[in-house]
Amino acid sequence: MTQSHPASPTKNYLLESLLKIDYERLSPHLRGVELLQGDVIYSAGDNINYVYFPESAVIALLSTLEDGSTTEVGLIGREGMVGLSVFLGGVATPERAVVQVSGNALKMTTPALARELRVGSALQVALLRYTRSFLALVTQSVICSQHHLLEARFARWLLMMQDYSGSDTLYLTHEMVAGMIGTRRAGVSMATRELRERGVISSERGQIKILNREGVEEIACECYSITREEFDQLHKSQIA
């Protein structure tokens, strides 16, 4: 991670939703940081010293089994905060948090967040709304992994990554994607080839580009529209 610097007006939806007076109270406690793909923000069992509000970075929460295999249990981008365990009263994280898309974020120490929450601030209300939506996302991801074909799950995942990063081009290897959606690398290669043959994406080594978003949406399972509607409602409530 690069050296942090004082925060400027943010692109994070949670912080953006705050009134100016609330954001100005938080601003001295926020520091900008560049997160690089592969950075491990937390390992499972770590105490959480900082929470992160992504602006353009995307972070995956991973659950690791005894055999070393990983499965994504949640994605966090500019709509949310990494470190919800602190908000829910915990001090440690049960998952590993890894940067999937390089980008910027704002970070805050957990003591500073705790002080803000004790006063019943607007940030607390925003985090309550976000937590509800995030839990809905996790639930839908579990349902998706159990009931939908790999191609549809892969399309859903690409759309979510595009939403969270704001970019059509995703710098991801097949190994990384396989670890996120809980399948083998060969499965990701087959799904990528199928979407490429349909003309909705292009792919090179370490890069996937969405060429036809509507086409990807047609391939994706209904889980995408369900989760997208949830976060659209969240964003509307934040800016209301």
Protein backbone atom coordinates (compact mmCIF):
# COMPACT_ATOMS: atom_id res chain seq x y z
CA MET A 1 0.00 0.00 0.00
CA THR A 2 1.20 3.50 -0.75
CA GLN A 3 1.59 6.19 1.86
CA SER A 4 -1.72 7.63 3.01
CA HIS A 5 -2.77 11.25 2.61
CA PRO A 6 -5.55 13.50 3.91
CA ALA A 7 -9.00 12.69 2.59
CA SER A 8 -10.69 14.76 -0.10
CA PRO A 9 -14.37 14.67 -1.20
CA THR A 10 -15.23 11.03 -1.60
CA LYS A 11 -16.70 8.70 -4.21
CA ASN A 12 -17.72 6.18 -1.55
CA TYR A 13 -21.51 6.02 -1.44
CA LEU A 14 -21.73 5.59 2.35
CA LEU A 15 -19.66 8.68 3.06
CA GLU A 16 -21.14 10.59 0.14
CA SER A 17 -24.59 10.17 1.70
CA LEU A 18 -23.62 12.10 4.82
CA LEU A 19 -24.56 15.72 5.34
CA LYS A 20 -21.67 18.14 4.99
CA ILE A 21 -21.48 18.76 8.74
CA ASP A 22 -21.27 15.00 9.44
CA TYR A 23 -18.64 14.39 6.79
CA GLU A 24 -16.54 17.32 8.02
CA ARG A 25 -16.56 15.82 11.52
CA LEU A 26 -15.27 12.52 10.12
CA SER A 27 -12.83 14.00 7.62
CA PRO A 28 -9.88 14.49 10.01
CA HIS A 29 -10.02 10.75 10.79
CA LEU A 30 -10.06 9.59 7.16
CA ARG A 31 -6.91 8.90 5.18
CA GLY A 32 -6.70 8.12 1.49
CA VAL A 33 -4.82 4.99 0.47
CA GLU A 34 -4.14 3.22 -2.81
CA LEU A 35 -4.94 -0.49 -2.64
CA LEU A 36 -3.18 -2.82 -5.04
CA GLN A 37 -4.53 -6.06 -6.44
CA GLY A 38 -3.49 -8.91 -4.17
CA ASP A 39 -3.09 -6.78 -1.05
CA VAL A 40 -4.34 -8.70 1.99
CA ILE A 41 -6.17 -6.20 4.18
CA TYR A 42 -7.06 -8.74 6.87
CA SER A 43 -6.35 -12.41 7.41
CA ALA A 44 -8.91 -14.60 9.14
CA GLY A 45 -8.72 -14.10 12.90
CA ASP A 46 -6.87 -10.77 12.68
CA ASN A 47 -7.89 -7.91 14.94
CA ILE A 48 -9.33 -5.11 12.83
CA ASN A 49 -7.29 -1.95 13.31
CA TYR A 50 -8.72 -0.05 10.35
CA VAL A 51 -11.96 -0.01 8.40
CA TYR A 52 -11.92 0.87 4.70
CA PHE A 53 -14.37 2.80 2.53
CA PRO A 54 -13.55 1.84 -1.09
CA GLU A 55 -13.86 4.46 -3.80
CA SER A 56 -12.61 2.60 -6.87
CA ALA A 57 -11.00 -0.50 -5.32
CA VAL A 58 -12.94 -3.76 -4.95
CA ILE A 59 -12.28 -6.09 -2.01
CA ALA A 60 -13.35 -9.72 -1.73
CA LEU A 61 -14.07 -11.48 1.54
CA LEU A 62 -12.83 -15.06 1.29
CA SER A 63 -13.51 -18.12 3.37
CA THR A 64 -10.67 -20.67 3.33
CA LEU A 65 -11.13 -24.39 3.90
CA GLU A 66 -8.61 -26.80 5.46
CA ASP A 67 -7.44 -27.95 2.01
CA GLY A 68 -6.55 -24.36 1.13
CA SER A 69 -9.40 -23.79 -1.32
CA THR A 70 -11.19 -20.45 -1.10
CA THR A 71 -14.68 -19.20 -1.83
CA GLU A 72 -15.86 -15.63 -2.00
CA VAL A 73 -18.49 -14.83 0.62
CA GLY A 74 -18.86 -11.16 -0.27
CA LEU A 75 -17.68 -8.34 -2.52
CA ILE A 76 -17.28 -4.77 -1.30
CA GLY A 77 -16.83 -1.76 -3.51
CA ARG A 78 -17.73 1.91 -3.46
CA GLU A 79 -21.16 1.15 -2.01
CA GLY A 80 -19.86 -0.03 1.36
CA MET A 81 -17.26 -0.52 4.07
CA VAL A 82 -14.70 -3.25 4.74
CA GLY A 83 -14.66 -4.15 8.43
CA LEU A 84 -18.33 -4.65 9.24
CA SER A 85 -17.34 -6.93 12.15
CA VAL A 86 -16.33 -3.80 14.07
CA PHE A 87 -19.68 -2.17 13.41
CA LEU A 88 -21.41 -5.34 14.63
CA GLY A 89 -19.43 -5.35 17.87
CA GLY A 90 -16.53 -7.65 17.00
CA VAL A 91 -12.80 -7.01 17.14
CA ALA A 92 -11.60 -9.73 14.74
CA THR A 93 -12.59 -10.84 11.26
CA PRO A 94 -13.66 -14.40 10.39
CA GLU A 95 -12.72 -13.97 6.71
CA ARG A 96 -9.70 -12.93 4.69
CA ALA A 97 -10.10 -9.60 2.88
CA VAL A 98 -8.14 -9.37 -0.39
CA VAL A 99 -8.04 -6.58 -2.97
CA GLN A 100 -9.38 -7.87 -6.30
CA VAL A 101 -9.38 -4.60 -8.27
CA SER A 102 -6.71 -1.99 -7.60
CA GLY A 103 -7.95 1.45 -6.69
CA ASN A 104 -8.44 4.06 -4.00
CA ALA A 105 -10.09 3.86 -0.61
CA LEU A 106 -10.42 5.87 2.57
CA LYS A 107 -9.44 4.25 5.84
CA MET A 108 -10.28 5.06 9.45
CA THR A 109 -9.00 3.60 12.71
CA THR A 110 -11.45 1.38 14.56
CA PRO A 111 -11.31 3.58 17.71
CA ALA A 112 -12.34 6.59 15.59
CA LEU A 113 -15.23 4.62 14.12
CA ALA A 114 -16.28 3.42 17.57
CA ARG A 115 -16.36 6.99 18.87
CA GLU A 116 -18.52 8.02 15.92
CA LEU A 117 -20.95 5.17 16.50
CA ARG A 118 -21.33 5.95 20.19
CA VAL A 119 -22.95 9.30 19.38
CA GLY A 120 -25.64 7.69 17.19
CA SER A 121 -24.44 9.49 14.08
CA ALA A 122 -25.73 9.56 10.52
CA LEU A 123 -22.92 7.16 9.61
CA GLN A 124 -24.41 4.61 12.01
CA VAL A 125 -27.75 4.81 10.22
CA ALA A 126 -26.05 4.46 6.82
CA LEU A 127 -24.09 1.43 8.04
CA LEU A 128 -27.26 -0.22 9.35
CA ARG A 129 -28.82 0.10 5.91
CA TYR A 130 -25.67 -1.17 4.22
CA THR A 131 -25.34 -4.15 6.56
CA ARG A 132 -28.86 -5.25 5.70
CA SER A 133 -28.07 -5.09 1.98
CA PHE A 134 -24.71 -6.82 2.40
CA LEU A 135 -26.30 -9.73 4.29
CA ALA A 136 -28.87 -10.02 1.50
CA LEU A 137 -26.00 -10.22 -0.98
CA VAL A 138 -24.25 -12.95 0.99
CA THR A 139 -27.47 -14.96 1.23
CA GLN A 140 -28.10 -14.63 -2.51
CA SER A 141 -24.51 -15.68 -3.28
CA VAL A 142 -24.97 -18.90 -1.29
CA ILE A 143 -28.20 -19.67 -3.15
CA CYS A 144 -26.50 -18.90 -6.46
CA SER A 145 -23.55 -21.23 -5.83
CA GLN A 146 -25.89 -24.10 -5.00
CA HIS A 147 -28.46 -23.80 -7.78
CA HIS A 148 -27.06 -22.08 -10.87
CA LEU A 149 -24.77 -23.15 -13.68
CA LEU A 150 -21.21 -21.89 -13.78
CA GLU A 151 -21.69 -19.79 -16.91
CA ALA A 152 -24.59 -17.88 -15.33
CA ARG A 153 -22.68 -17.44 -12.05
CA PHE A 154 -19.62 -16.18 -13.91
CA ALA A 155 -21.72 -13.64 -15.85
CA ARG A 156 -23.32 -12.44 -12.60
CA TRP A 157 -19.91 -12.05 -10.99
CA LEU A 158 -18.54 -10.04 -13.94
CA LEU A 159 -21.49 -7.65 -13.76
CA MET A 160 -20.99 -7.15 -10.03
CA MET A 161 -17.30 -6.46 -10.49
CA GLN A 162 -18.12 -3.90 -13.18
CA ASP A 163 -20.67 -2.22 -10.91
CA TYR A 164 -18.29 -2.04 -7.97
CA SER A 165 -15.23 -0.89 -9.91
CA GLY A 166 -16.95 1.36 -12.44
CA SER A 167 -14.79 -0.11 -15.22
CA ASP A 168 -15.53 -2.32 -18.23
CA THR A 169 -12.02 -3.77 -18.09
CA LEU A 170 -11.17 -6.15 -15.24
CA TYR A 171 -7.58 -7.20 -14.65
CA LEU A 172 -8.15 -10.70 -13.34
CA THR A 173 -6.57 -14.08 -14.03
CA HIS A 174 -8.60 -17.26 -14.37
CA GLU A 175 -7.00 -18.52 -11.14
CA MET A 176 -8.25 -15.48 -9.28
CA VAL A 177 -11.77 -15.81 -10.65
CA ALA A 178 -11.84 -19.52 -9.81
CA GLY A 179 -10.98 -18.73 -6.19
CA MET A 180 -13.74 -16.14 -6.05
CA ILE A 181 -16.62 -18.20 -7.42
CA GLY A 182 -15.53 -21.53 -5.95
CA THR A 183 -14.70 -23.58 -9.01
CA ARG A 184 -11.69 -24.96 -10.89
CA ARG A 185 -9.58 -22.87 -13.25
CA ALA A 186 -10.65 -25.10 -16.14
CA GLY A 187 -14.27 -24.22 -15.45
CA VAL A 188 -13.51 -20.50 -15.61
CA SER A 189 -11.65 -21.01 -18.90
CA MET A 190 -14.67 -22.80 -20.38
CA ALA A 191 -17.09 -20.12 -19.18
CA THR A 192 -14.82 -17.37 -20.52
CA ARG A 193 -14.62 -19.07 -23.90
CA GLU A 194 -18.41 -19.41 -24.06
CA LEU A 195 -19.00 -15.71 -23.29
CA ARG A 196 -16.26 -14.72 -25.71
CA GLU A 197 -17.82 -16.81 -28.50
CA ARG A 198 -21.13 -15.06 -27.86
CA GLY A 199 -19.34 -11.75 -28.39
CA VAL A 200 -20.22 -10.24 -25.01
CA ILE A 201 -16.67 -10.17 -23.61
CA SER A 202 -13.09 -10.22 -24.83
CA SER A 203 -10.25 -11.73 -22.86
CA GLU A 204 -6.48 -11.73 -22.87
CA ARG A 205 -4.05 -13.04 -20.31
CA GLY A 206 -4.94 -11.39 -17.01
CA GLN A 207 -7.68 -9.21 -18.52
CA ILE A 208 -11.40 -9.51 -19.20
CA LYS A 209 -13.34 -6.74 -20.94
CA ILE A 210 -17.13 -6.49 -21.04
CA LEU A 211 -18.13 -5.56 -24.61
CA ASN A 212 -21.90 -5.98 -24.40
CA ARG A 213 -23.34 -5.49 -20.93
CA GLU A 214 -26.90 -6.30 -21.99
CA GLY A 215 -25.65 -9.56 -23.46
CA VAL A 216 -23.89 -10.48 -20.21
CA GLU A 217 -27.07 -9.64 -18.28
CA GLU A 218 -29.03 -12.07 -20.48
CA ILE A 219 -26.60 -14.85 -19.59
CA ALA A 220 -26.44 -14.05 -15.87
CA CYS A 221 -28.80 -15.78 -13.46
CA GLU A 222 -31.61 -13.89 -11.74
CA CYS A 223 -29.39 -13.44 -8.68
CA TYR A 224 -27.76 -10.46 -10.35
CA SER A 225 -30.99 -8.52 -10.82
CA ILE A 226 -32.00 -9.31 -7.24
CA THR A 227 -28.74 -8.04 -5.74
CA ARG A 228 -28.58 -5.06 -8.11
CA GLU A 229 -32.08 -3.99 -7.10
CA GLU A 230 -31.09 -4.29 -3.44
CA PHE A 231 -28.11 -1.99 -3.86
CA ASP A 232 -30.01 0.43 -6.11
CA GLN A 233 -32.53 0.80 -3.31
CA LEU A 234 -29.69 1.24 -0.84
CA HIS A 235 -28.15 4.01 -2.92
CA LYS A 236 -31.49 5.77 -3.31
CA SER A 237 -32.02 5.68 0.46
CA GLN A 238 -28.53 7.07 1.02
CA ILE A 239 -29.01 10.08 -1.25
CA ALA A 240 -32.62 10.75 -0.20
